[in-house]
Protein backbone atom coordinates (compact mmCIF):
# COMPACT_ATOMS: atom_id res chain seq x y z
CA MET A 1 23.19 -45.47 6.77
CA ILE A 2 20.64 -47.35 4.74
CA THR A 3 20.19 -50.96 6.22
CA GLY A 4 17.94 -53.89 5.62
CA SER A 5 15.44 -52.39 8.05
CA THR A 6 15.30 -48.86 6.60
CA ARG A 7 11.69 -47.77 5.68
CA VAL A 8 11.13 -46.06 2.35
CA ALA A 9 9.07 -43.16 1.49
CA GLY A 10 8.94 -40.93 -1.63
CA VAL A 11 7.11 -38.63 -3.96
CA ILE A 12 5.37 -39.54 -7.25
CA GLY A 13 4.84 -36.96 -9.91
CA SER A 14 5.80 -35.79 -13.38
CA PRO A 15 7.85 -33.82 -13.52
CA VAL A 16 9.26 -34.51 -10.02
CA ARG A 17 13.01 -33.75 -10.08
CA HIS A 18 12.47 -30.24 -8.94
CA SER A 19 10.67 -31.21 -5.70
CA LEU A 20 11.85 -30.00 -2.44
CA SER A 21 10.19 -32.84 -0.61
CA PRO A 22 13.35 -35.11 -0.60
CA VAL A 23 15.57 -32.43 1.00
CA MET A 24 12.92 -31.55 3.63
CA HIS A 25 11.86 -35.16 4.61
CA ASN A 26 15.44 -36.54 4.71
CA ALA A 27 16.60 -33.66 6.84
CA ALA A 28 13.75 -34.35 9.32
CA PHE A 29 14.39 -38.09 9.30
CA ALA A 30 18.06 -37.48 10.15
CA ALA A 31 17.29 -34.88 12.76
CA GLY A 32 14.71 -37.20 14.44
CA GLY A 33 16.97 -40.28 14.31
CA LEU A 34 14.42 -42.14 12.25
CA ASP A 35 15.59 -45.05 10.02
CA TRP A 36 13.73 -43.85 7.03
CA VAL A 37 14.84 -42.53 3.50
CA TYR A 38 12.83 -40.53 0.99
CA ALA A 39 13.27 -40.55 -2.74
CA ALA A 40 11.63 -38.94 -5.86
CA PHE A 41 9.93 -41.36 -8.35
CA GLU A 42 9.20 -40.00 -11.91
CA VAL A 43 5.78 -41.59 -12.70
CA MET A 44 4.32 -40.64 -16.04
CA PRO A 45 0.66 -39.38 -16.38
CA GLY A 46 -1.74 -42.27 -16.00
CA GLY A 47 0.64 -44.29 -13.85
CA ALA A 48 -0.59 -43.54 -10.40
CA ALA A 49 -2.64 -46.81 -9.95
CA GLY A 50 0.40 -48.80 -10.95
CA ALA A 51 2.71 -46.85 -8.69
CA LEU A 52 0.32 -47.46 -5.64
CA ALA A 53 0.13 -51.17 -6.57
CA GLY A 54 3.93 -51.22 -6.41
CA MET A 55 3.87 -49.49 -3.14
CA ARG A 56 1.88 -52.35 -1.69
CA VAL A 57 4.13 -54.99 -3.10
CA LEU A 58 7.39 -53.27 -2.11
CA GLY A 59 6.15 -52.19 1.27
CA ILE A 60 6.98 -48.55 0.69
CA GLY A 61 5.82 -46.92 3.95
CA GLY A 62 4.55 -43.58 2.50
CA LEU A 63 4.18 -41.63 -0.53
CA SER A 64 3.61 -37.92 -1.34
CA VAL A 65 1.55 -37.41 -4.45
CA THR A 66 1.92 -34.35 -6.65
CA MET A 67 0.74 -33.42 -10.18
CA PRO A 68 -0.62 -34.97 -12.25
CA HIS A 69 -1.56 -37.88 -9.98
CA LYS A 70 -3.61 -36.41 -7.11
CA ASP A 71 -7.02 -37.29 -8.70
CA ASP A 72 -5.98 -40.74 -9.85
CA ALA A 73 -4.26 -41.67 -6.63
CA ALA A 74 -7.46 -40.74 -4.62
CA ALA A 75 -9.35 -43.27 -6.82
CA ALA A 76 -6.74 -46.08 -6.17
CA VAL A 77 -6.56 -46.03 -2.34
CA ASP A 78 -8.71 -47.93 0.05
CA THR A 79 -9.82 -45.12 2.42
CA LEU A 80 -9.84 -41.38 2.32
CA ASP A 81 -9.70 -38.74 5.17
CA ALA A 82 -12.53 -36.21 5.38
CA ALA A 83 -10.60 -33.45 3.39
CA ALA A 84 -9.48 -35.91 0.69
CA ALA A 85 -13.05 -37.15 0.36
CA ALA A 86 -14.37 -33.71 -0.03
CA LEU A 87 -11.77 -32.68 -2.53
CA GLY A 88 -11.58 -35.90 -4.48
CA THR A 89 -7.70 -35.66 -4.51
CA ILE A 90 -4.91 -36.73 -2.21
CA ASN A 91 -1.37 -35.70 -1.66
CA THR A 92 -0.40 -38.43 0.90
CA VAL A 93 -0.64 -42.16 1.08
CA VAL A 94 0.06 -44.34 4.05
CA LEU A 95 0.59 -48.12 3.96
CA GLN A 96 -1.43 -49.55 6.76
CA PRO A 97 -0.18 -52.70 8.65
CA ASP A 98 -2.91 -54.70 7.06
CA GLY A 99 -1.71 -53.68 3.54
CA ARG A 100 -4.48 -51.21 2.76
CA LEU A 101 -3.63 -47.82 1.50
CA ALA A 102 -5.04 -44.73 3.26
CA GLY A 103 -5.22 -41.54 1.37
CA TYR A 104 -5.05 -38.00 2.95
CA SER A 105 -5.04 -34.41 1.85
CA THR A 106 -2.62 -32.42 4.03
CA ASP A 107 -2.36 -29.32 1.77
CA GLY A 108 -5.18 -27.31 3.44
CA ALA A 109 -4.33 -28.32 6.93
CA GLY A 110 -0.78 -27.47 6.21
CA PHE A 111 -1.81 -23.98 5.15
CA VAL A 112 -3.89 -23.45 8.25
CA ALA A 113 -0.83 -24.65 10.29
CA SER A 114 1.46 -22.08 8.46
CA LEU A 115 -0.93 -19.37 9.44
CA ARG A 116 -1.01 -20.39 13.12
CA ASP A 117 2.81 -20.68 13.07
CA ALA A 118 2.87 -17.09 11.95
CA GLY A 119 0.51 -16.10 14.74
CA VAL A 120 -2.59 -15.89 12.71
CA ASP A 121 -5.82 -17.70 13.75
CA PRO A 122 -8.29 -17.94 10.78
CA ALA A 123 -11.20 -18.64 13.08
CA GLY A 124 -13.80 -15.79 12.60
CA LEU A 125 -11.87 -14.09 9.81
CA ARG A 126 -13.28 -12.89 6.47
CA VAL A 127 -11.09 -14.13 3.83
CA ALA A 128 -10.70 -13.61 0.04
CA VAL A 129 -9.18 -16.58 -1.85
CA LEU A 130 -7.72 -15.80 -5.21
CA GLY A 131 -8.09 -18.83 -7.62
CA ALA A 132 -10.30 -21.84 -7.98
CA GLY A 133 -7.85 -24.62 -8.79
CA GLY A 134 -6.64 -27.48 -6.67
CA ALA A 135 -4.62 -25.36 -4.20
CA ALA A 136 -7.47 -22.90 -3.92
CA ARG A 137 -9.96 -25.69 -3.22
CA ALA A 138 -7.76 -27.25 -0.46
CA VAL A 139 -7.40 -23.85 1.18
CA ILE A 140 -11.17 -23.11 1.04
CA ASP A 141 -11.99 -26.52 2.55
CA ALA A 142 -9.37 -26.11 5.26
CA LEU A 143 -10.38 -22.48 6.19
CA ALA A 144 -14.04 -23.48 6.43
CA ARG A 145 -13.08 -26.40 8.79
CA ALA A 146 -10.92 -23.91 10.83
CA GLY A 147 -13.99 -21.61 11.43
CA ALA A 148 -13.51 -18.74 8.97
CA ALA A 149 -16.51 -16.42 9.18
CA GLU A 150 -16.69 -15.71 5.49
CA LEU A 151 -14.86 -17.12 2.38
CA VAL A 152 -14.89 -14.95 -0.77
CA VAL A 153 -13.68 -16.95 -3.84
CA ILE A 154 -12.38 -14.72 -6.60
CA ASN A 155 -11.50 -16.29 -10.01
CA ARG A 156 -11.47 -15.18 -13.70
CA SER A 157 -13.98 -17.91 -14.36
CA GLY A 158 -17.13 -17.33 -12.28
CA ASP A 159 -18.38 -20.89 -12.82
CA ARG A 160 -15.17 -22.28 -11.33
CA ALA A 161 -15.35 -19.89 -8.39
CA GLU A 162 -18.88 -21.03 -7.61
CA LEU A 163 -17.91 -24.72 -7.73
CA ALA A 164 -14.88 -24.03 -5.47
CA ALA A 165 -16.97 -22.01 -3.13
CA ARG A 166 -19.26 -24.92 -2.46
CA LEU A 167 -16.39 -26.55 -0.55
CA GLY A 168 -16.76 -23.82 2.04
CA GLY A 169 -20.43 -24.42 2.78
CA ALA A 170 -22.71 -21.71 3.96
CA VAL A 171 -19.84 -19.25 4.78
CA ALA A 172 -18.40 -19.26 1.18
CA HIS A 173 -19.54 -17.53 -1.99
CA ARG A 174 -18.31 -16.20 -5.25
CA GLY A 175 -16.87 -12.64 -5.14
CA GLU A 176 -15.27 -9.86 -7.03
CA MET A 177 -11.83 -8.24 -7.04
CA GLY A 178 -13.14 -5.27 -5.18
CA ASP A 179 -14.08 -7.38 -2.24
CA ILE A 180 -10.42 -7.61 -1.29
CA ALA A 181 -10.68 -4.21 0.49
CA GLY A 182 -13.27 -5.40 2.85
CA VAL A 183 -11.79 -8.74 4.13
CA ASP A 184 -9.40 -9.51 7.09
CA MET A 185 -7.19 -11.85 4.93
CA VAL A 186 -6.26 -12.33 1.36
CA VAL A 187 -4.77 -15.57 0.00
CA ASN A 188 -3.22 -15.94 -3.35
CA ALA A 189 -3.85 -19.57 -4.40
CA THR A 190 -3.00 -18.96 -8.06
CA SER A 191 0.40 -19.42 -9.71
CA ILE A 192 0.59 -15.66 -10.62
CA GLY A 193 3.83 -14.29 -9.20
CA MET A 194 5.85 -17.54 -9.54
CA GLY A 195 9.21 -16.47 -10.96
CA THR A 196 7.87 -13.08 -11.91
CA ASP A 197 6.93 -9.60 -10.59
CA LEU A 198 3.34 -10.09 -11.60
CA GLU A 199 0.67 -9.36 -9.00
CA PRO A 200 -2.54 -11.50 -8.79
CA CYS A 201 -4.75 -8.60 -7.77
CA ASP A 202 -4.92 -4.88 -7.56
CA VAL A 203 -2.59 -4.19 -4.62
CA ALA A 204 -4.08 -0.85 -4.04
CA LEU A 205 -6.94 -2.65 -2.40
CA LEU A 206 -4.58 -4.09 0.33
CA HIS A 207 -4.27 -2.15 3.69
CA SER A 208 -2.89 -2.18 7.12
CA GLY A 209 -4.56 -4.58 9.43
CA GLN A 210 -4.95 -7.27 6.84
CA VAL A 211 -3.11 -10.62 6.69
CA VAL A 212 -1.85 -11.39 3.17
CA ALA A 213 -0.65 -14.99 2.30
CA ASP A 214 0.85 -16.11 -0.96
CA LEU A 215 1.21 -19.87 -1.79
CA VAL A 216 3.87 -19.07 -4.25
CA TYR A 217 7.34 -19.64 -2.78
CA HIS A 218 9.57 -18.80 -5.72
CA PRO A 219 10.51 -16.04 -5.05
CA LEU A 220 9.81 -16.24 -1.28
CA GLN A 221 8.96 -12.53 -1.16
CA THR A 222 6.60 -12.14 -4.08
CA ALA A 223 5.46 -8.87 -5.51
CA LEU A 224 2.11 -9.22 -3.74
CA LEU A 225 3.84 -9.84 -0.29
CA ARG A 226 6.25 -6.83 -0.91
CA ALA A 227 3.19 -4.70 -1.70
CA ALA A 228 1.36 -5.89 1.41
CA THR A 229 4.47 -5.17 3.54
CA ALA A 230 4.61 -1.69 2.18
CA VAL A 231 1.09 -0.89 3.40
CA GLY A 232 1.55 -2.57 6.85
CA ALA A 233 -0.24 -5.76 6.31
CA VAL A 234 0.99 -8.95 8.03
CA THR A 235 2.41 -11.45 5.47
CA VAL A 236 2.81 -15.24 5.28
CA ASP A 237 4.94 -16.67 2.56
CA GLY A 238 4.24 -19.89 0.52
CA LEU A 239 7.06 -21.90 2.00
CA GLY A 240 5.25 -22.28 5.22
CA MET A 241 2.39 -24.24 3.59
CA LEU A 242 4.91 -26.48 1.77
CA VAL A 243 6.74 -27.25 5.04
CA HIS A 244 3.55 -27.79 7.19
CA GLN A 245 1.90 -30.14 4.73
CA ALA A 246 5.12 -32.20 4.83
CA VAL A 247 5.22 -32.20 8.53
CA LEU A 248 1.70 -33.71 8.65
CA GLN A 249 2.78 -36.20 5.92
CA GLN A 250 5.69 -37.49 7.91
CA GLN A 251 3.73 -37.63 11.12
CA LEU A 252 1.22 -39.75 9.38
CA TRP A 253 3.87 -42.23 8.05
CA THR A 254 6.02 -42.53 11.23
CA GLY A 255 3.85 -41.44 14.19
CA VAL A 256 6.45 -38.89 15.07
CA ARG A 257 5.98 -35.16 14.39
CA PRO A 258 9.11 -33.73 12.82
CA ASP A 259 10.39 -30.33 13.58
CA PRO A 260 9.16 -27.77 11.09
CA ALA A 261 12.23 -25.54 11.50
CA VAL A 262 14.51 -28.40 10.26
CA MET A 263 12.29 -28.78 7.22
CA ARG A 264 12.15 -25.20 6.45
CA SER A 265 15.89 -24.73 6.83
CA ALA A 266 16.51 -27.51 4.45
CA ALA A 267 14.06 -26.09 1.91
CA GLU A 268 15.60 -22.56 2.16
CA LYS A 269 19.19 -23.97 1.62
CA GLU A 270 18.06 -25.87 -1.39
CA LEU A 271 16.20 -22.91 -2.95
CA ALA A 272 19.25 -20.68 -2.35
CA ALA A 273 21.54 -23.22 -4.03
CA ARG A 274 19.28 -23.43 -7.07
CA HIS A 275 19.11 -19.75 -7.57
CA ARG A 276 22.75 -18.77 -7.10
């Protein structure tokens, strides 16, 4: 029941009605007995600063930030955590008791948490990251912080690959598609495979003993993951990152860590309902 003391959180983006965040966060609030509610707010491009100003005025406790607002929101908050400062983007805003807005990037940390949840520790691993966009940059930054031994960034644009690799420091460099055969883990951080059977790389380079992670979660078992399973590789699907970044968000807003299993179950049920 919503009362006069119910705290409000939400997501801003455009478009945003497709977001799985409301079902995940509301399920976790209910399971944890928290007097919070989460809604989706359609905010047109260029409106991030106004939305965050409204957050202050209305006392909205927390916001998730999705495209196209991640850069503008980072510029509108008062403080940034280390990952957000490095990336220049945020996906989470927390209203502090003094009225200041704190910005965080939980995407990369959520990815690392999804690996560990699957029994994979990235420390000491050689990793190929496919892509150089926002998701890839968050993954590169987080894997470097988690102690990856080598990060090979593979992208059609070599210049963008080199820029993204800088986030990984000394362990990261631009690579080529053939490098996939020699790494311990492959991460698809592109949108290739979303809603299609396209593969983001030559799957003949995959082999047993590797870990293959795909950030795409529609379909949950992408063509890449199916090919990886066929050769005996360990696979990690994209829903894990979505869930764990949300877990970190909710913990920042409420101080209580939600159950990832509750969030994942809610997301799976919603995805199944959409694709019947």
